Amino acid sequence: MSQIERIIEGGEELFLKAGIKSVTMDDIARHLGMSKKTIYQFFKDKNELVTALVTKKLKEDEEQMIEFINKSANVIEEMINMTKCSEDMFSRINPIVIHDMQKYHPDAWKVFQQFKSEVLISTLEELLTKGIKQGYIRPEIDPKIVARMRVNTVELGFNTTIFPVAEFNTWKVQVQFLDHFNYGICTLKGYKLLNQYRNIKED
């Protein structure tokens, strides 16, 4: 592992535990057992480190998403597989990280927003369009509108003003949103297949 990768990984470990704002470059240096000077050889400040970390994580998420889509037999299986992919991602994210990134690291937030609009929304649009053709997704759905709604709902689930961390488990919030979305877009054929994949016995 290179020094840059070590620093990014060390930063990620601390950010996920405590949020971005409360972690200093000193904390990261101490956590990694290296000098702060070494970190500054690669990153001029914390903002640059956060942006590099977000870029790296989103690239990994995109690769994982493509892998899941490619090995799925149909749109419903894609949705189930993407749920599994999301579960891993959301269970690791501290909502404070999203809040801190939005408030204190505009460069990283811009990268995140760009990924959201260019990768997530377009991927979901394609998935919905394909699902309509396969007969699993309701034909009256407008993929452009529904894809934007779904992707922005994820962000809503991380809003600690609406869902305070002391009261709500972030992953449970996301699961509720996801279930509501998945069942809401399905035709009867899609609904039955979704239940089959989820091992739910119908009455």
Foldseek 3Di string as FASTA:
>chain_A
DDPLVLLLVLQLVVCLVPNNVVDALVNSCVSSVHDSVVVCVPPVGSLRSLLVNLLVVLVVLLVQLVVQVVPDPALLSSLVSVLVSVLVVQLSHDLNNVVCCVPPRVNSVVVVVCCLVPPQLVVQLVSQVRCVVVQFFDPVDRSNVLSVVLSVVLNVLSPCVVVPVVHDDSSVSNVVSSVCSQCVGTDPVNNVVNCVVVVHDDD
